[in-house]
């Protein structure tokens, strides 16, 4: 199962059961090299939404981030979990989330 954590900072994480599968950018590079790694699921806090991923994809922005083309606009700290394209179903919501409910399709 793949999941996504969507926060107001637009951090996207893919995971399965206790661990999540994440696409990690460790170093900016022109070759598009990233690492797919199992990491622990983060704690969902009041402004977070947990989404079970049904479909995901690679957005041109992901490639621009990897190639360091947007570093001066948005200076990301590395390592960075990347990913901007997904659809799925909300499984959990934080206590402050009012725009979504469990089982909403996003």
Protein backbone atom coordinates (compact mmCIF):
# COMPACT_ATOMS: atom_id res chain seq x y z
CA UNK A 1 0.00 0.00 0.00
CA UNK A 2 1.24 3.48 -0.80
CA UNK A 3 0.33 6.54 1.22
CA UNK A 4 1.03 10.22 1.22
CA UNK A 5 1.39 12.79 3.99
CA UNK A 6 0.30 16.23 2.82
CA UNK A 7 1.12 19.16 5.09
CA UNK A 8 0.71 22.89 4.66
CA UNK A 9 4.41 22.90 3.69
CA UNK A 10 3.55 20.52 0.81
CA UNK A 11 5.80 17.72 1.99
CA UNK A 12 4.82 14.50 0.30
CA UNK A 13 5.75 11.10 1.64
CA UNK A 14 4.93 7.65 0.30
CA UNK A 15 4.74 4.77 2.77
CA UNK A 16 3.51 1.31 3.52
CA UNK A 17 2.25 0.00 6.91
CA UNK A 18 4.78 1.09 9.62
CA UNK A 19 7.33 2.37 7.14
CA UNK A 20 6.89 4.58 4.14
CA UNK A 21 8.52 4.47 0.77
CA UNK A 22 9.92 7.90 0.00
CA UNK A 23 11.65 9.41 -3.01
CA UNK A 24 14.67 11.16 -1.50
CA UNK A 25 16.83 13.82 -3.09
CA UNK A 26 20.20 13.73 -1.29
CA UNK A 27 22.13 15.97 -3.68
CA UNK A 28 21.10 18.27 -6.52
CA UNK A 29 22.17 16.78 -9.84
CA UNK A 30 21.58 17.13 -13.57
CA UNK A 31 21.18 13.35 -14.07
CA UNK A 32 17.94 13.10 -12.10
CA UNK A 33 19.36 10.68 -9.53
CA UNK A 34 17.13 10.10 -6.51
CA UNK A 35 16.90 7.34 -3.92
CA UNK A 36 13.78 5.33 -3.12
CA UNK A 37 14.03 4.47 0.55
CA UNK A 38 11.94 3.02 3.38
CA UNK A 39 11.67 5.51 6.26
CA UNK A 40 9.51 5.67 9.37
CA UNK A 41 6.05 7.17 9.07
CA UNK A 42 6.00 10.68 10.56
CA UNK A 43 3.60 11.57 13.34
CA UNK A 44 0.45 13.20 11.96
CA UNK A 45 -0.08 16.57 13.66
CA UNK A 46 -3.01 18.97 13.75
CA UNK A 47 -2.61 20.45 10.24
CA UNK A 48 -1.75 17.21 8.39
CA UNK A 49 -3.78 14.97 6.12
CA UNK A 50 -2.82 11.34 5.49
CA UNK A 51 -3.74 10.12 2.01
CA UNK A 52 -3.70 6.54 0.74
CA UNK A 53 -2.12 6.89 -2.70
CA UNK A 54 -3.95 5.33 -5.64
CA UNK A 55 -1.92 6.96 -8.45
CA UNK A 56 1.24 9.05 -8.52
CA UNK A 57 3.42 10.60 -11.18
CA UNK A 58 6.42 12.77 -11.90
CA UNK A 59 5.70 16.46 -12.27
CA UNK A 60 8.04 18.77 -14.25
CA UNK A 61 8.55 20.66 -10.97
CA UNK A 62 10.08 17.51 -9.45
CA UNK A 63 12.67 17.46 -12.23
CA UNK A 64 13.37 21.17 -11.78
CA UNK A 65 13.91 20.65 -8.04
CA UNK A 66 16.28 17.71 -8.64
CA UNK A 67 18.30 19.75 -11.18
CA UNK A 68 18.52 22.73 -8.75
CA UNK A 69 16.62 25.01 -11.13
CA UNK A 70 14.34 26.45 -8.42
CA UNK A 71 16.87 26.65 -5.56
CA UNK A 72 16.89 30.46 -5.52
CA UNK A 73 13.09 30.66 -5.54
CA UNK A 74 12.51 27.90 -2.96
CA UNK A 75 15.70 26.90 -1.10
CA UNK A 76 15.01 23.32 0.01
CA UNK A 77 17.04 21.68 2.75
CA UNK A 78 18.55 18.36 1.70
CA UNK A 79 17.87 15.50 2.02
CA UNK A 80 14.40 16.23 0.67
CA UNK A 81 11.41 13.96 0.17
CA UNK A 82 10.09 14.92 -3.25
CA UNK A 83 6.87 14.40 -5.18
CA UNK A 84 4.08 16.71 -6.30
CA UNK A 85 1.63 14.54 -8.28
CA UNK A 86 -0.81 12.12 -6.67
CA UNK A 87 -4.40 11.10 -6.20
CA UNK A 88 -5.90 8.97 -3.48
CA UNK A 89 -8.25 8.76 -0.51
CA UNK A 90 -7.87 10.51 2.84
CA UNK A 91 -7.35 8.05 5.67
CA UNK A 92 -6.57 10.36 8.62
CA UNK A 93 -6.83 14.06 9.35
CA UNK A 94 -5.30 16.31 11.98
CA UNK A 95 -7.42 18.02 14.61
CA UNK A 96 -7.26 21.45 12.87
CA UNK A 97 -8.20 20.17 9.41
CA UNK A 98 -11.68 21.32 8.41
CA UNK A 99 -11.47 21.36 4.60
CA UNK A 100 -11.29 17.57 4.26
CA UNK A 101 -12.81 14.48 5.86
CA UNK A 102 -11.84 10.81 6.00
CA UNK A 103 -12.62 8.97 2.73
CA UNK A 104 -12.53 12.17 0.64
CA UNK A 105 -10.98 11.60 -2.76
CA UNK A 106 -8.13 13.97 -3.50
